[in-house]
Amino acid sequence: MKNVAWFLFGIISGFVAAHFMNKDPRGHELLASIDSRISGFTGTMSEAYHAEVARETND
């Protein structure tokens, strides 16, 4: 139970820190950069998945 409490504390602390970072213009820029990298990665993974599904259905 103690580990779950620490885990939840860590997640909540991360959200609070991100909220305060987003208020600062430099922090907002950093978070926007991270978001664009994550979006690019997930977009690439999605395209690869859909290409693989299309290849399997054509076989």
PDB file of N, CA and C in Angstrom:
ATOM      1  N   MET A   1       0.825  -1.199   0.000  1.00  0.00           N
ATOM      2  CA  MET A   1       0.000   0.000   0.000  1.00  0.00           C
ATOM      3  C   MET A   1       0.869   1.262   0.000  1.00  0.00           C
ATOM      4  N   LYS A   2       1.997   1.164   0.694  1.00  0.00           N
ATOM      5  CA  LYS A   2       2.913   2.304   0.769  1.00  0.00           C
ATOM      6  C   LYS A   2       3.463   2.647  -0.622  1.00  0.00           C
ATOM      7  N   ASN A   3       3.763   1.612  -1.410  1.00  0.00           N
ATOM      8  CA  ASN A   3       4.287   1.841  -2.760  1.00  0.00           C
ATOM      9  C   ASN A   3       3.255   2.533  -3.647  1.00  0.00           C
ATOM     10  N   VAL A   4       2.001   2.177  -3.508  1.00  0.00           N
ATOM     11  CA  VAL A   4       0.934   2.807  -4.290  1.00  0.00           C
ATOM     12  C   VAL A   4       0.822   4.280  -3.927  1.00  0.00           C
ATOM     13  N   ALA A   5       0.939   4.586  -2.652  1.00  0.00           N
ATOM     14  CA  ALA A   5       0.866   5.983  -2.210  1.00  0.00           C
ATOM     15  C   ALA A   5       2.019   6.791  -2.799  1.00  0.00           C
ATOM     16  N   TRP A   6       3.230   6.233  -2.797  1.00  0.00           N
ATOM     17  CA  TRP A   6       4.372   6.938  -3.381  1.00  0.00           C
ATOM     18  C   TRP A   6       4.195   7.115  -4.892  1.00  0.00           C
ATOM     19  N   PHE A   7       3.652   6.091  -5.545  1.00  0.00           N
ATOM     20  CA  PHE A   7       3.404   6.171  -6.983  1.00  0.00           C
ATOM     21  C   PHE A   7       2.420   7.293  -7.303  1.00  0.00           C
ATOM     22  N   LEU A   8       1.314   7.343  -6.571  1.00  0.00           N
ATOM     23  CA  LEU A   8       0.316   8.393  -6.780  1.00  0.00           C
ATOM     24  C   LEU A   8       0.890   9.768  -6.454  1.00  0.00           C
ATOM     25  N   PHE A   9       1.690   9.861  -5.412  1.00  0.00           N
ATOM     26  CA  PHE A   9       2.343  11.120  -5.061  1.00  0.00           C
ATOM     27  C   PHE A   9       3.251  11.593  -6.200  1.00  0.00           C
ATOM     28  N   GLY A  10       3.974  10.676  -6.803  1.00  0.00           N
ATOM     29  CA  GLY A  10       4.859  11.013  -7.918  1.00  0.00           C
ATOM     30  C   GLY A  10       4.093  11.504  -9.131  1.00  0.00           C
ATOM     31  N   ILE A  11       3.000  10.856  -9.448  1.00  0.00           N
ATOM     32  CA  ILE A  11       2.189  11.270 -10.598  1.00  0.00           C
ATOM     33  C   ILE A  11       1.570  12.639 -10.353  1.00  0.00           C
ATOM     34  N   ILE A  12       1.019  12.842  -9.184  1.00  0.00           N
ATOM     35  CA  ILE A  12       0.405  14.133  -8.856  1.00  0.00           C
ATOM     36  C   ILE A  12       1.458  15.234  -8.861  1.00  0.00           C
ATOM     37  N   SER A  13       2.628  14.950  -8.301  1.00  0.00           N
ATOM     38  CA  SER A  13       3.710  15.941  -8.298  1.00  0.00           C
ATOM     39  C   SER A  13       4.138  16.296  -9.718  1.00  0.00           C
ATOM     40  N   GLY A  14       4.171  15.321 -10.590  1.00  0.00           N
ATOM     41  CA  GLY A  14       4.526  15.567 -11.987  1.00  0.00           C
ATOM     42  C   GLY A  14       3.523  16.471 -12.676  1.00  0.00           C
ATOM     43  N   PHE A  15       2.252  16.243 -12.435  1.00  0.00           N
ATOM     44  CA  PHE A  15       1.229  17.103 -13.027  1.00  0.00           C
ATOM     45  C   PHE A  15       1.308  18.532 -12.495  1.00  0.00           C
ATOM     46  N   VAL A  16       1.563  18.654 -11.206  1.00  0.00           N
ATOM     47  CA  VAL A  16       1.687  19.996 -10.612  1.00  0.00           C
ATOM     48  C   VAL A  16       2.902  20.707 -11.192  1.00  0.00           C
ATOM     49  N   ALA A  17       4.026  20.009 -11.298  1.00  0.00           N
ATOM     50  CA  ALA A  17       5.238  20.613 -11.861  1.00  0.00           C
ATOM     51  C   ALA A  17       5.007  21.029 -13.317  1.00  0.00           C
ATOM     52  N   ALA A  18       4.346  20.180 -14.104  1.00  0.00           N
ATOM     53  CA  ALA A  18       4.071  20.511 -15.501  1.00  0.00           C
ATOM     54  C   ALA A  18       3.145  21.723 -15.596  1.00  0.00           C
ATOM     55  N   HIS A  19       2.198  21.819 -14.685  1.00  0.00           N
ATOM     56  CA  HIS A  19       1.286  22.965 -14.685  1.00  0.00           C
ATOM     57  C   HIS A  19       2.051  24.269 -14.450  1.00  0.00           C
ATOM     58  N   PHE A  20       2.952  24.265 -13.472  1.00  0.00           N
ATOM     59  CA  PHE A  20       3.734  25.470 -13.199  1.00  0.00           C
ATOM     60  C   PHE A  20       4.729  25.767 -14.317  1.00  0.00           C
ATOM     61  N   MET A  21       5.285  24.722 -14.920  1.00  0.00           N
ATOM     62  CA  MET A  21       6.204  24.933 -16.054  1.00  0.00           C
ATOM     63  C   MET A  21       5.466  25.555 -17.232  1.00  0.00           C
ATOM     64  N   ASN A  22       4.225  25.148 -17.437  1.00  0.00           N
ATOM     65  CA  ASN A  22       3.448  25.638 -18.565  1.00  0.00           C
ATOM     66  C   ASN A  22       3.118  27.121 -18.421  1.00  0.00           C
ATOM     67  N   LYS A  23       3.111  27.636 -17.199  1.00  0.00           N
ATOM     68  CA  LYS A  23       2.826  29.057 -16.981  1.00  0.00           C
ATOM     69  C   LYS A  23       3.990  29.942 -17.435  1.00  0.00           C
ATOM     70  N   ASP A  24       5.211  29.427 -17.343  1.00  0.00           N
ATOM     71  CA  ASP A  24       6.402  30.165 -17.742  1.00  0.00           C
ATOM     72  C   ASP A  24       6.569  30.044 -19.264  1.00  0.00           C
ATOM     73  N   PRO A  25       6.878  31.130 -19.967  1.00  0.00           N
ATOM     74  CA  PRO A  25       7.029  31.042 -21.436  1.00  0.00           C
ATOM     75  C   PRO A  25       8.087  30.023 -21.875  1.00  0.00           C
ATOM     76  N   ARG A  26       9.208  29.962 -21.162  1.00  0.00           N
ATOM     77  CA  ARG A  26      10.247  28.979 -21.523  1.00  0.00           C
ATOM     78  C   ARG A  26       9.769  27.561 -21.256  1.00  0.00           C
ATOM     79  N   GLY A  27       9.071  27.373 -20.156  1.00  0.00           N
ATOM     80  CA  GLY A  27       8.521  26.060 -19.844  1.00  0.00           C
ATOM     81  C   GLY A  27       7.458  25.647 -20.846  1.00  0.00           C
ATOM     82  N   HIS A  28       6.645  26.617 -21.250  1.00  0.00           N
ATOM     83  CA  HIS A  28       5.605  26.351 -22.253  1.00  0.00           C
ATOM     84  C   HIS A  28       6.250  25.901 -23.565  1.00  0.00           C
ATOM     85  N   GLU A  29       7.349  26.555 -23.939  1.00  0.00           N
ATOM     86  CA  GLU A  29       8.076  26.192 -25.154  1.00  0.00           C
ATOM     87  C   GLU A  29       8.638  24.771 -25.043  1.00  0.00           C
ATOM     88  N   LEU A  30       9.204  24.454 -23.885  1.00  0.00           N
ATOM     89  CA  LEU A  30       9.768  23.131 -23.661  1.00  0.00           C
ATOM     90  C   LEU A  30       8.687  22.058 -23.746  1.00  0.00           C
ATOM     91  N   LEU A  31       7.564  22.287 -23.080  1.00  0.00           N
ATOM     92  CA  LEU A  31       6.482  21.304 -23.111  1.00  0.00           C
ATOM     93  C   LEU A  31       5.899  21.158 -24.516  1.00  0.00           C
ATOM     94  N   ALA A  32       5.830  22.246 -25.277  1.00  0.00           N
ATOM     95  CA  ALA A  32       5.348  22.174 -26.662  1.00  0.00           C
ATOM     96  C   ALA A  32       6.315  21.350 -27.513  1.00  0.00           C
ATOM     97  N   SER A  33       7.606  21.509 -27.270  1.00  0.00           N
ATOM     98  CA  SER A  33       8.613  20.738 -28.000  1.00  0.00           C
ATOM     99  C   SER A  33       8.491  19.248 -27.690  1.00  0.00           C
ATOM    100  N   ILE A  34       8.328  18.931 -26.423  1.00  0.00           N
ATOM    101  CA  ILE A  34       8.167  17.531 -26.019  1.00  0.00           C
ATOM    102  C   ILE A  34       6.896  16.952 -26.625  1.00  0.00           C
ATOM    103  N   ASP A  35       5.823  17.740 -26.618  1.00  0.00           N
ATOM    104  CA  ASP A  35       4.553  17.275 -27.182  1.00  0.00           C
ATOM    105  C   ASP A  35       4.678  16.996 -28.676  1.00  0.00           C
ATOM    106  N   SER A  36       5.395  17.862 -29.401  1.00  0.00           N
ATOM    107  CA  SER A  36       5.543  17.648 -30.842  1.00  0.00           C
ATOM    108  C   SER A  36       6.382  16.400 -31.122  1.00  0.00           C
ATOM    109  N   ARG A  37       7.391  16.139 -30.296  1.00  0.00           N
ATOM    110  CA  ARG A  37       8.197  14.924 -30.471  1.00  0.00           C
ATOM    111  C   ARG A  37       7.366  13.683 -30.216  1.00  0.00           C
ATOM    112  N   ILE A  38       6.556  13.726 -29.169  1.00  0.00           N
ATOM    113  CA  ILE A  38       5.700  12.572 -28.857  1.00  0.00           C
ATOM    114  C   ILE A  38       4.677  12.361 -29.971  1.00  0.00           C
ATOM    115  N   SER A  39       4.097  13.447 -30.474  1.00  0.00           N
ATOM    116  CA  SER A  39       3.120  13.333 -31.561  1.00  0.00           C
ATOM    117  C   SER A  39       3.769  12.756 -32.813  1.00  0.00           C
ATOM    118  N   GLY A  40       4.986  13.182 -33.114  1.00  0.00           N
ATOM    119  CA  GLY A  40       5.701  12.640 -34.267  1.00  0.00           C
ATOM    120  C   GLY A  40       5.970  11.159 -34.112  1.00  0.00           C
ATOM    121  N   PHE A  41       6.388  10.758 -32.928  1.00  0.00           N
ATOM    122  CA  PHE A  41       6.665   9.348 -32.660  1.00  0.00           C
ATOM    123  C   PHE A  41       5.410   8.500 -32.779  1.00  0.00           C
ATOM    124  N   THR A  42       4.318   8.947 -32.147  1.00  0.00           N
ATOM    125  CA  THR A  42       3.085   8.164 -32.201  1.00  0.00           C
ATOM    126  C   THR A  42       2.517   8.132 -33.619  1.00  0.00           C
ATOM    127  N   GLY A  43       2.702   9.216 -34.362  1.00  0.00           N
ATOM    128  CA  GLY A  43       2.255   9.232 -35.753  1.00  0.00           C
ATOM    129  C   GLY A  43       3.025   8.223 -36.595  1.00  0.00           C
ATOM    130  N   THR A  44       4.329   8.159 -36.396  1.00  0.00           N
ATOM    131  CA  THR A  44       5.161   7.201 -37.122  1.00  0.00           C
ATOM    132  C   THR A  44       4.783   5.770 -36.758  1.00  0.00           C
ATOM    133  N   MET A  45       4.561   5.521 -35.470  1.00  0.00           N
ATOM    134  CA  MET A  45       4.174   4.175 -35.038  1.00  0.00           C
ATOM    135  C   MET A  45       2.810   3.787 -35.614  1.00  0.00           C
ATOM    136  N   SER A  46       1.894   4.742 -35.655  1.00  0.00           N
ATOM    137  CA  SER A  46       0.565   4.475 -36.201  1.00  0.00           C
ATOM    138  C   SER A  46       0.648   4.151 -37.691  1.00  0.00           C
ATOM    139  N   GLU A  47       1.439   4.916 -38.424  1.00  0.00           N
ATOM    140  CA  GLU A  47       1.605   4.650 -39.863  1.00  0.00           C
ATOM    141  C   GLU A  47       2.209   3.268 -40.096  1.00  0.00           C
ATOM    142  N   ALA A  48       3.219   2.913 -39.305  1.00  0.00           N
ATOM    143  CA  ALA A  48       3.854   1.602 -39.446  1.00  0.00           C
ATOM    144  C   ALA A  48       2.859   0.485 -39.126  1.00  0.00           C
ATOM    145  N   TYR A  49       2.051   0.672 -38.102  1.00  0.00           N
ATOM    146  CA  TYR A  49       1.053  -0.331 -37.738  1.00  0.00           C
ATOM    147  C   TYR A  49       0.036  -0.509 -38.861  1.00  0.00           C
ATOM    148  N   HIS A  50      -0.465   0.600 -39.385  1.00  0.00           N
ATOM    149  CA  HIS A  50      -1.464   0.511 -40.451  1.00  0.00           C
ATOM    150  C   HIS A  50      -0.867  -0.087 -41.728  1.00  0.00           C
ATOM    151  N   ALA A  51       0.394   0.212 -42.006  1.00  0.00           N
ATOM    152  CA  ALA A  51       1.050  -0.401 -43.168  1.00  0.00           C
ATOM    153  C   ALA A  51       1.182  -1.904 -42.972  1.00  0.00           C
ATOM    154  N   GLU A  52       1.514  -2.335 -41.767  1.00  0.00           N
ATOM    155  CA  GLU A  52       1.650  -3.763 -41.479  1.00  0.00           C
ATOM    156  C   GLU A  52       0.295  -4.458 -41.578  1.00  0.00           C
ATOM    157  N   VAL A  53      -0.751  -3.847 -41.077  1.00  0.00           N
ATOM    158  CA  VAL A  53      -2.094  -4.428 -41.174  1.00  0.00           C
ATOM    159  C   VAL A  53      -2.503  -4.542 -42.642  1.00  0.00           C
ATOM    160  N   ALA A  54      -2.235  -3.498 -43.404  1.00  0.00           N
ATOM    161  CA  ALA A  54      -2.588  -3.534 -44.833  1.00  0.00           C
ATOM    162  C   ALA A  54      -1.791  -4.627 -45.561  1.00  0.00           C
ATOM    163  N   ARG A  55      -0.530  -4.813 -45.194  1.00  0.00           N
ATOM    164  CA  ARG A  55       0.296  -5.831 -45.819  1.00  0.00           C
ATOM    165  C   ARG A  55      -0.232  -7.220 -45.468  1.00  0.00           C
ATOM    166  N   GLU A  56      -0.667  -7.411 -44.204  1.00  0.00           N
ATOM    167  CA  GLU A  56      -1.176  -8.719 -43.791  1.00  0.00           C
ATOM    168  C   GLU A  56      -2.499  -9.030 -44.475  1.00  0.00           C
ATOM    169  N   THR A  57      -3.351  -8.030 -44.691  1.00  0.00           N
ATOM    170  CA  THR A  57      -4.631  -8.311 -45.337  1.00  0.00           C
ATOM    171  C   THR A  57      -4.461  -8.591 -46.821  1.00  0.00           C
ATOM    172  N   ASN A  58      -3.384  -8.092 -47.420  1.00  0.00           N
ATOM    173  CA  ASN A  58      -3.133  -8.348 -48.837  1.00  0.00           C
ATOM    174  C   ASN A  58      -2.484  -9.692 -49.078  1.00  0.00           C
ATOM    175  N   ASP A  59      -1.921 -10.301 -48.044  1.00  0.00           N
ATOM    176  CA  ASP A  59      -1.269 -11.610 -48.193  1.00  0.00           C
ATOM    177  C   ASP A  59      -2.239 -12.720 -48.252  1.00  0.00           C
TER     178      ASP A  59
END
